[in-house]
Amino acid sequence: MVCANAAQTNPTDLAVEFQETVFPNLQPPSEVITAYAKALEESLRNSSIQLDSAQYVILVDRNPNVQAEMIFWGDANNGWVLIGATPVSTGMPGTFDHFLTPMGLFTHSLDNPDFRSEGTKNESSFRGYGIKGMRVYDFGWVNEPRGWGDKQMAVMRLQMHATDPDLAENLLGIPRSKGCIRIPASMNEFIDRYGLLDADYDAAIKKGSHFWVLRHDRNPTNTPGRYLMVINSDLKTRPSWAVVPKSKK
């Protein structure tokens, strides 16, 4: 495992560590990586966002046949490098209080502070945010059509978080959530430990702020980002690199 100071670690080193520590991990072929990188750059450009320097960005393909999350590093000048990919679960409409995960570019900012899971179970014995201590990434309130009833516009809270390790993590790779993005606990740990989306937090720390939500053993990268992009690739069949959950084969 790579254990060097992440502030001195380049994206290639983090890509190696991703393969060693994040499970399950996906292996999209080079042409697929190129296509997603192009979609990422187009989304940034369409949102009038010009990155000043290379940084980390997370891309989610909510397509039911894909259900994958990818960490990219780069910018328009440096190009985009894939750090790693893993299966996720996005929104599964059809029942009350369930939305499709909204598409677009979302900012991880201090306007919507993160928090950590308490590891508690609901009435169905389900730990919705995963085990105690898992970080919940908050992207704020989003207008999205209801996935039930009259399908009228409503407001949902877009979050990215771990899920129940016993009842849901083995189902990552198919839509299952109420609209949030469920990720493996190991992916949560990876993003959290290296502060890959913590650009705004790091800027505030430099000005003297302190945040209880940041882990004590945090080893932040010196090129953090703040953007999450959600797309739908419109694939009609599941590609070979996007693994079906074992329990659903």
C-alpha atoms as a PDB file:
ATOM      1  CA  MET A   1       0.000   0.000   0.000  1.00  0.00           C
ATOM      2  CA  VAL A   2       1.177   3.518  -0.780  1.00  0.00           C
ATOM      3  CA  CYS A   3       1.719   5.313   2.514  1.00  0.00           C
ATOM      4  CA  ALA A   4       3.610   8.424   1.442  1.00  0.00           C
ATOM      5  CA  ASN A   5       2.390  11.858   2.382  1.00  0.00           C
ATOM      6  CA  ALA A   6      -0.540  12.433   0.041  1.00  0.00           C
ATOM      7  CA  ALA A   7       0.437  16.086  -0.349  1.00  0.00           C
ATOM      8  CA  GLN A   8       3.559  14.738  -2.086  1.00  0.00           C
ATOM      9  CA  THR A   9       1.743  11.901  -3.855  1.00  0.00           C
ATOM     10  CA  ASN A  10       0.930  12.279  -7.531  1.00  0.00           C
ATOM     11  CA  PRO A  11      -2.275  10.963  -9.122  1.00  0.00           C
ATOM     12  CA  THR A  12      -0.459   7.888 -10.417  1.00  0.00           C
ATOM     13  CA  ASP A  13       0.382   6.876  -6.839  1.00  0.00           C
ATOM     14  CA  LEU A  14      -3.210   7.395  -5.745  1.00  0.00           C
ATOM     15  CA  ALA A  15      -4.405   5.306  -8.692  1.00  0.00           C
ATOM     16  CA  VAL A  16      -2.205   2.467  -7.454  1.00  0.00           C
ATOM     17  CA  GLU A  17      -3.568   2.806  -3.937  1.00  0.00           C
ATOM     18  CA  PHE A  18      -7.115   2.897  -5.264  1.00  0.00           C
ATOM     19  CA  GLN A  19      -6.620  -0.503  -6.875  1.00  0.00           C
ATOM     20  CA  GLU A  20      -5.253  -1.878  -3.595  1.00  0.00           C
ATOM     21  CA  THR A  21      -7.806  -0.442  -1.192  1.00  0.00           C
ATOM     22  CA  VAL A  22     -11.142   0.244  -2.928  1.00  0.00           C
ATOM     23  CA  PHE A  23     -13.414  -2.755  -3.473  1.00  0.00           C
ATOM     24  CA  PRO A  24     -15.074  -3.613  -5.663  1.00  0.00           C
ATOM     25  CA  ASN A  25     -13.234  -1.738  -8.384  1.00  0.00           C
ATOM     26  CA  LEU A  26     -14.093  -1.596 -12.062  1.00  0.00           C
ATOM     27  CA  GLN A  27     -11.767  -1.673 -15.063  1.00  0.00           C
ATOM     28  CA  PRO A  28     -13.320   0.344 -17.904  1.00  0.00           C
ATOM     29  CA  PRO A  29     -11.313   0.081 -21.151  1.00  0.00           C
ATOM     30  CA  SER A  30      -9.318   3.031 -22.444  1.00  0.00           C
ATOM     31  CA  GLU A  31     -11.891   4.087 -25.033  1.00  0.00           C
ATOM     32  CA  VAL A  32     -14.581   4.202 -22.338  1.00  0.00           C
ATOM     33  CA  ILE A  33     -12.353   6.280 -20.059  1.00  0.00           C
ATOM     34  CA  THR A  34     -11.724   8.691 -22.934  1.00  0.00           C
ATOM     35  CA  ALA A  35     -15.455   9.038 -23.597  1.00  0.00           C
ATOM     36  CA  TYR A  36     -16.222   9.769 -19.940  1.00  0.00           C
ATOM     37  CA  ALA A  37     -13.357  12.266 -19.744  1.00  0.00           C
ATOM     38  CA  LYS A  38     -14.802  14.058 -22.773  1.00  0.00           C
ATOM     39  CA  ALA A  39     -18.249  14.147 -21.148  1.00  0.00           C
ATOM     40  CA  LEU A  40     -16.690  15.547 -17.988  1.00  0.00           C
ATOM     41  CA  GLU A  41     -14.907  18.322 -19.843  1.00  0.00           C
ATOM     42  CA  GLU A  42     -18.061  19.202 -21.815  1.00  0.00           C
ATOM     43  CA  SER A  43     -20.088  19.408 -18.605  1.00  0.00           C
ATOM     44  CA  LEU A  44     -17.588  21.782 -17.030  1.00  0.00           C
ATOM     45  CA  ARG A  45     -17.534  23.927 -20.157  1.00  0.00           C
ATOM     46  CA  ASN A  46     -21.345  23.995 -20.417  1.00  0.00           C
ATOM     47  CA  SER A  47     -21.482  25.087 -16.769  1.00  0.00           C
ATOM     48  CA  SER A  48     -19.038  27.923 -17.554  1.00  0.00           C
ATOM     49  CA  ILE A  49     -16.498  26.466 -15.135  1.00  0.00           C
ATOM     50  CA  GLN A  50     -12.855  27.027 -16.020  1.00  0.00           C
ATOM     51  CA  LEU A  51     -10.568  25.170 -13.644  1.00  0.00           C
ATOM     52  CA  ASP A  52      -7.498  27.186 -12.693  1.00  0.00           C
ATOM     53  CA  SER A  53      -5.426  24.067 -12.084  1.00  0.00           C
ATOM     54  CA  ALA A  54      -5.639  20.284 -12.203  1.00  0.00           C
ATOM     55  CA  GLN A  55      -7.834  18.799  -9.481  1.00  0.00           C
ATOM     56  CA  TYR A  56     -10.015  15.823  -8.594  1.00  0.00           C
ATOM     57  CA  VAL A  57     -13.560  15.517  -9.948  1.00  0.00           C
ATOM     58  CA  ILE A  58     -16.048  12.702  -9.387  1.00  0.00           C
ATOM     59  CA  LEU A  59     -18.248  11.455 -12.220  1.00  0.00           C
ATOM     60  CA  VAL A  60     -21.292   9.211 -11.763  1.00  0.00           C
ATOM     61  CA  ASP A  61     -23.083   7.431 -14.596  1.00  0.00           C
ATOM     62  CA  ARG A  62     -26.614   6.865 -13.318  1.00  0.00           C
ATOM     63  CA  ASN A  63     -27.573   4.686 -16.307  1.00  0.00           C
ATOM     64  CA  PRO A  64     -29.239   1.544 -14.866  1.00  0.00           C
ATOM     65  CA  ASN A  65     -26.940  -0.572 -17.033  1.00  0.00           C
ATOM     66  CA  VAL A  66     -23.802   1.113 -15.681  1.00  0.00           C
ATOM     67  CA  GLN A  67     -24.237   2.497 -12.129  1.00  0.00           C
ATOM     68  CA  ALA A  68     -20.598   3.471 -11.764  1.00  0.00           C
ATOM     69  CA  GLU A  69     -18.599   6.218 -10.099  1.00  0.00           C
ATOM     70  CA  MET A  70     -15.214   7.376 -11.342  1.00  0.00           C
ATOM     71  CA  ILE A  71     -12.559   9.631  -9.844  1.00  0.00           C
ATOM     72  CA  PHE A  72     -10.753  11.762 -12.425  1.00  0.00           C
ATOM     73  CA  TRP A  73      -7.810  14.095 -11.985  1.00  0.00           C
ATOM     74  CA  GLY A  74      -6.915  16.874 -14.406  1.00  0.00           C
ATOM     75  CA  ASP A  75      -8.226  19.902 -16.261  1.00  0.00           C
ATOM     76  CA  ALA A  76      -8.626  21.116 -19.841  1.00  0.00           C
ATOM     77  CA  ASN A  77      -4.910  21.847 -20.168  1.00  0.00           C
ATOM     78  CA  ASN A  78      -3.524  18.706 -18.513  1.00  0.00           C
ATOM     79  CA  GLY A  79      -6.155  16.285 -19.783  1.00  0.00           C
ATOM     80  CA  TRP A  80      -7.955  13.811 -17.527  1.00  0.00           C
ATOM     81  CA  VAL A  81      -6.543  10.767 -15.755  1.00  0.00           C
ATOM     82  CA  LEU A  82      -8.761   8.070 -14.272  1.00  0.00           C
ATOM     83  CA  ILE A  83      -7.819   7.311 -10.659  1.00  0.00           C
ATOM     84  CA  GLY A  84     -10.342   4.502 -10.292  1.00  0.00           C
ATOM     85  CA  ALA A  85     -13.927   3.360 -10.719  1.00  0.00           C
ATOM     86  CA  THR A  86     -16.373   1.479  -8.516  1.00  0.00           C
ATOM     87  CA  PRO A  87     -20.038   0.412  -8.669  1.00  0.00           C
ATOM     88  CA  VAL A  88     -22.673   2.572  -6.991  1.00  0.00           C
ATOM     89  CA  SER A  89     -26.428   2.679  -6.520  1.00  0.00           C
ATOM     90  CA  THR A  90     -28.409   5.718  -7.594  1.00  0.00           C
ATOM     91  CA  GLY A  91     -32.105   6.569  -7.352  1.00  0.00           C
ATOM     92  CA  MET A  92     -34.780   3.965  -8.042  1.00  0.00           C
ATOM     93  CA  PRO A  93     -38.104   5.746  -8.691  1.00  0.00           C
ATOM     94  CA  GLY A  94     -41.449   4.025  -8.465  1.00  0.00           C
ATOM     95  CA  THR A  95     -42.246   4.182  -4.763  1.00  0.00           C
ATOM     96  CA  PHE A  96     -43.000   7.025  -2.375  1.00  0.00           C
ATOM     97  CA  ASP A  97     -40.202   9.467  -1.657  1.00  0.00           C
ATOM     98  CA  HIS A  98     -37.935   8.005  -4.353  1.00  0.00           C
ATOM     99  CA  PHE A  99     -36.321  10.144  -7.057  1.00  0.00           C
ATOM    100  CA  LEU A 100     -34.059   9.586 -10.007  1.00  0.00           C
ATOM    101  CA  THR A 101     -30.646  10.877  -9.026  1.00  0.00           C
ATOM    102  CA  PRO A 102     -30.501  14.335 -10.650  1.00  0.00           C
ATOM    103  CA  MET A 103     -28.089  14.929 -13.493  1.00  0.00           C
ATOM    104  CA  GLY A 104     -25.761  17.896 -13.733  1.00  0.00           C
ATOM    105  CA  LEU A 105     -22.721  19.411 -12.090  1.00  0.00           C
ATOM    106  CA  PHE A 106     -22.908  19.824  -8.310  1.00  0.00           C
ATOM    107  CA  THR A 107     -20.564  21.664  -5.966  1.00  0.00           C
ATOM    108  CA  HIS A 108     -19.327  20.297  -2.651  1.00  0.00           C
ATOM    109  CA  SER A 109     -19.189  23.470  -0.586  1.00  0.00           C
ATOM    110  CA  LEU A 110     -19.378  24.773   2.961  1.00  0.00           C
ATOM    111  CA  ASP A 111     -22.914  25.983   2.232  1.00  0.00           C
ATOM    112  CA  ASN A 112     -24.041  22.400   2.865  1.00  0.00           C
ATOM    113  CA  PRO A 113     -21.795  21.011   5.614  1.00  0.00           C
ATOM    114  CA  ASP A 114     -20.999  17.311   5.673  1.00  0.00           C
ATOM    115  CA  PHE A 115     -21.637  15.115   8.684  1.00  0.00           C
ATOM    116  CA  ARG A 116     -20.828  11.562   9.760  1.00  0.00           C
ATOM    117  CA  SER A 117     -23.005   8.510  10.099  1.00  0.00           C
ATOM    118  CA  GLU A 118     -24.108   7.496  13.576  1.00  0.00           C
ATOM    119  CA  GLY A 119     -24.439   3.907  12.388  1.00  0.00           C
ATOM    120  CA  THR A 120     -28.006   3.641  13.674  1.00  0.00           C
ATOM    121  CA  LYS A 121     -30.633   1.347  12.152  1.00  0.00           C
ATOM    122  CA  ASN A 122     -34.083   2.390  10.980  1.00  0.00           C
ATOM    123  CA  GLU A 123     -37.316   0.485  11.534  1.00  0.00           C
ATOM    124  CA  SER A 124     -36.192  -2.017   8.898  1.00  0.00           C
ATOM    125  CA  SER A 125     -32.829  -2.555  10.654  1.00  0.00           C
ATOM    126  CA  PHE A 126     -31.150  -0.749   7.772  1.00  0.00           C
ATOM    127  CA  ARG A 127     -28.122   1.486   8.333  1.00  0.00           C
ATOM    128  CA  GLY A 128     -28.809   4.012   5.608  1.00  0.00           C
ATOM    129  CA  TYR A 129     -25.513   5.888   5.946  1.00  0.00           C
ATOM    130  CA  GLY A 130     -23.408   2.814   6.649  1.00  0.00           C
ATOM    131  CA  ILE A 131     -21.403   2.068   9.778  1.00  0.00           C
ATOM    132  CA  LYS A 132     -20.651   4.703  12.391  1.00  0.00           C
ATOM    133  CA  GLY A 133     -18.167   7.323  11.253  1.00  0.00           C
ATOM    134  CA  MET A 134     -18.748   7.138   7.517  1.00  0.00           C
ATOM    135  CA  ARG A 135     -18.714  10.606   5.972  1.00  0.00           C
ATOM    136  CA  VAL A 136     -21.872  11.893   4.310  1.00  0.00           C
ATOM    137  CA  TYR A 137     -21.086  14.266   1.440  1.00  0.00           C
ATOM    138  CA  ASP A 138     -23.817  16.870   1.094  1.00  0.00           C
ATOM    139  CA  PHE A 139     -24.501  18.652  -2.203  1.00  0.00           C
ATOM    140  CA  GLY A 140     -27.588  20.539  -1.066  1.00  0.00           C
ATOM    141  CA  TRP A 141     -31.213  20.745  -2.126  1.00  0.00           C
ATOM    142  CA  VAL A 142     -32.075  19.958  -5.739  1.00  0.00           C
ATOM    143  CA  ASN A 143     -35.316  20.348  -7.709  1.00  0.00           C
ATOM    144  CA  GLU A 144     -36.218  17.049  -9.367  1.00  0.00           C
ATOM    145  CA  PRO A 145     -39.458  15.396 -10.560  1.00  0.00           C
ATOM    146  CA  ARG A 146     -40.955  12.974  -8.070  1.00  0.00           C
ATOM    147  CA  GLY A 147     -40.410   9.352  -8.938  1.00  0.00           C
ATOM    148  CA  TRP A 148     -43.902   8.483  -7.783  1.00  0.00           C
ATOM    149  CA  GLY A 149     -47.454   9.809  -7.928  1.00  0.00           C
ATOM    150  CA  ASP A 150     -48.020  12.907 -10.034  1.00  0.00           C
ATOM    151  CA  LYS A 151     -44.311  13.170 -11.028  1.00  0.00           C
ATOM    152  CA  GLN A 152     -44.419  16.910 -10.285  1.00  0.00           C
ATOM    153  CA  MET A 153     -41.292  18.838  -9.339  1.00  0.00           C
ATOM    154  CA  ALA A 154     -40.204  18.506  -5.731  1.00  0.00           C
ATOM    155  CA  VAL A 155     -37.117  19.153  -3.648  1.00  0.00           C
ATOM    156  CA  MET A 156     -34.684  16.400  -2.652  1.00  0.00           C
ATOM    157  CA  ARG A 157     -31.404  16.408  -0.752  1.00  0.00           C
ATOM    158  CA  LEU A 158     -28.519  15.150  -2.881  1.00  0.00           C
ATOM    159  CA  GLN A 159     -25.948  13.278  -0.827  1.00  0.00           C
ATOM    160  CA  MET A 160     -23.191  10.779  -1.509  1.00  0.00           C
ATOM    161  CA  HIS A 161     -22.618   8.225   1.250  1.00  0.00           C
ATOM    162  CA  ALA A 162     -21.857   4.653   2.255  1.00  0.00           C
ATOM    163  CA  THR A 163     -24.663   2.176   2.812  1.00  0.00           C
ATOM    164  CA  ASP A 164     -25.573  -0.787   4.975  1.00  0.00           C
ATOM    165  CA  PRO A 165     -22.619  -3.204   4.712  1.00  0.00           C
ATOM    166  CA  ASP A 166     -24.788  -6.271   5.301  1.00  0.00           C
ATOM    167  CA  LEU A 167     -27.985  -5.437   3.418  1.00  0.00           C
ATOM    168  CA  ALA A 168     -27.024  -3.139   0.545  1.00  0.00           C
ATOM    169  CA  GLU A 169     -23.323  -2.923  -0.250  1.00  0.00           C
ATOM    170  CA  ASN A 170     -23.449  -6.233  -2.121  1.00  0.00           C
ATOM    171  CA  LEU A 171     -26.177  -4.715  -4.337  1.00  0.00           C
ATOM    172  CA  LEU A 172     -24.102  -1.774  -5.541  1.00  0.00           C
ATOM    173  CA  GLY A 173     -24.219  -1.722  -9.326  1.00  0.00           C
ATOM    174  CA  ILE A 174     -28.002  -1.446  -9.625  1.00  0.00           C
ATOM    175  CA  PRO A 175     -30.398   1.423  -8.749  1.00  0.00           C
ATOM    176  CA  ARG A 176     -31.507   1.096  -5.118  1.00  0.00           C
ATOM    177  CA  SER A 177     -31.488   4.489  -3.392  1.00  0.00           C
ATOM    178  CA  LYS A 178     -34.083   7.187  -2.790  1.00  0.00           C
ATOM    179  CA  GLY A 179     -32.069   9.510  -5.041  1.00  0.00           C
ATOM    180  CA  CYS A 180     -28.720   9.804  -3.286  1.00  0.00           C
ATOM    181  CA  ILE A 181     -25.537   8.113  -4.463  1.00  0.00           C
ATOM    182  CA  ARG A 182     -24.580   5.041  -2.442  1.00  0.00           C
ATOM    183  CA  ILE A 183     -20.899   4.141  -2.610  1.00  0.00           C
ATOM    184  CA  PRO A 184     -18.732   1.369  -1.114  1.00  0.00           C
ATOM    185  CA  ALA A 185     -17.365   2.055   2.356  1.00  0.00           C
ATOM    186  CA  SER A 186     -13.838   1.713   0.960  1.00  0.00           C
ATOM    187  CA  MET A 187     -14.579   4.413  -1.638  1.00  0.00           C
ATOM    188  CA  ASN A 188     -15.949   6.648   1.111  1.00  0.00           C
ATOM    189  CA  GLU A 189     -12.749   6.115   3.102  1.00  0.00           C
ATOM    190  CA  PHE A 190     -10.535   6.835   0.090  1.00  0.00           C
ATOM    191  CA  ILE A 191     -12.216  10.135  -0.834  1.00  0.00           C
ATOM    192  CA  ASP A 192     -12.374  11.145   2.816  1.00  0.00           C
ATOM    193  CA  ARG A 193      -8.803  10.298   3.805  1.00  0.00           C
ATOM    194  CA  TYR A 194      -7.250  12.229   0.924  1.00  0.00           C
ATOM    195  CA  GLY A 195      -9.739  15.098   0.914  1.00  0.00           C
ATOM    196  CA  LEU A 196     -10.359  14.715  -2.810  1.00  0.00           C
ATOM    197  CA  LEU A 197     -13.477  16.934  -2.752  1.00  0.00           C
ATOM    198  CA  ASP A 198     -12.373  19.214   0.088  1.00  0.00           C
ATOM    199  CA  ALA A 199     -11.133  22.275  -1.822  1.00  0.00           C
ATOM    200  CA  ASP A 200     -13.487  24.611   0.035  1.00  0.00           C
ATOM    201  CA  TYR A 201     -12.703  23.024   3.404  1.00  0.00           C
ATOM    202  CA  ASP A 202      -8.961  23.337   2.804  1.00  0.00           C
ATOM    203  CA  ALA A 203      -9.293  26.976   1.768  1.00  0.00           C
ATOM    204  CA  ALA A 204     -11.189  27.721   4.989  1.00  0.00           C
ATOM    205  CA  ILE A 205      -8.604  25.849   7.086  1.00  0.00           C
ATOM    206  CA  LYS A 206      -5.877  28.089   5.665  1.00  0.00           C
ATOM    207  CA  LYS A 207      -7.878  31.043   6.991  1.00  0.00           C
ATOM    208  CA  GLY A 208      -8.048  29.545  10.481  1.00  0.00           C
ATOM    209  CA  SER A 209     -11.274  27.537  10.414  1.00  0.00           C
ATOM    210  CA  HIS A 210     -11.631  24.129  12.052  1.00  0.00           C
ATOM    211  CA  PHE A 211     -14.080  21.375  11.101  1.00  0.00           C
ATOM    212  CA  TRP A 212     -15.099  18.532  13.389  1.00  0.00           C
ATOM    213  CA  VAL A 213     -16.144  16.441  10.398  1.00  0.00           C
ATOM    214  CA  LEU A 214     -12.595  16.097   9.061  1.00  0.00           C
ATOM    215  CA  ARG A 215     -10.883  12.917  10.243  1.00  0.00           C
ATOM    216  CA  HIS A 216      -7.843  13.095  12.524  1.00  0.00           C
ATOM    217  CA  ASP A 217      -5.726  10.899  10.248  1.00  0.00           C
ATOM    218  CA  ARG A 218      -6.636  12.896   7.154  1.00  0.00           C
ATOM    219  CA  ASN A 219      -3.791  13.099   4.630  1.00  0.00           C
ATOM    220  CA  PRO A 220      -5.058  15.705   2.158  1.00  0.00           C
ATOM    221  CA  THR A 221      -3.949  15.971  -1.429  1.00  0.00           C
ATOM    222  CA  ASN A 222      -2.544  19.307  -2.548  1.00  0.00           C
ATOM    223  CA  THR A 223      -4.878  19.339  -5.591  1.00  0.00           C
ATOM    224  CA  PRO A 224      -8.368  18.877  -4.096  1.00  0.00           C
ATOM    225  CA  GLY A 225     -11.524  19.506  -6.088  1.00  0.00           C
ATOM    226  CA  ARG A 226     -15.158  20.285  -5.311  1.00  0.00           C
ATOM    227  CA  TYR A 227     -17.243  18.994  -8.229  1.00  0.00           C
ATOM    228  CA  LEU A 228     -19.540  16.008  -8.675  1.00  0.00           C
ATOM    229  CA  MET A 229     -20.936  15.351 -12.136  1.00  0.00           C
ATOM    230  CA  VAL A 230     -23.891  13.011 -12.751  1.00  0.00           C
ATOM    231  CA  ILE A 231     -24.665  11.863 -16.290  1.00  0.00           C
ATOM    232  CA  ASN A 232     -26.694   9.199 -18.084  1.00  0.00           C
ATOM    233  CA  SER A 233     -24.742   7.470 -20.834  1.00  0.00           C
ATOM    234  CA  ASP A 234     -27.967   6.047 -22.353  1.00  0.00           C
ATOM    235  CA  LEU A 235     -26.409   2.609 -22.887  1.00  0.00           C
ATOM    236  CA  LYS A 236     -29.115   0.057 -23.683  1.00  0.00           C
ATOM    237  CA  THR A 237     -27.209  -2.960 -22.403  1.00  0.00           C
ATOM    238  CA  ARG A 238     -24.753  -3.484 -19.562  1.00  0.00           C
ATOM    239  CA  PRO A 239     -21.128  -3.217 -20.702  1.00  0.00           C
ATOM    240  CA  SER A 240     -18.810  -6.077 -19.759  1.00  0.00           C
ATOM    241  CA  TRP A 241     -16.742  -3.865 -17.436  1.00  0.00           C
ATOM    242  CA  ALA A 242     -19.767  -2.813 -15.334  1.00  0.00           C
ATOM    243  CA  VAL A 243     -20.214  -5.877 -13.140  1.00  0.00           C
ATOM    244  CA  VAL A 244     -23.664  -7.081 -12.116  1.00  0.00           C
ATOM    245  CA  PRO A 245     -24.003  -7.568  -8.343  1.00  0.00           C
ATOM    246  CA  LYS A 246     -23.447 -11.260  -7.524  1.00  0.00           C
ATOM    247  CA  SER A 247     -26.849 -11.623  -5.880  1.00  0.00           C
ATOM    248  CA  LYS A 248     -28.514 -10.367  -9.081  1.00  0.00           C
ATOM    249  CA  LYS A 249     -26.711 -12.591 -11.623  1.00  0.00           C
END
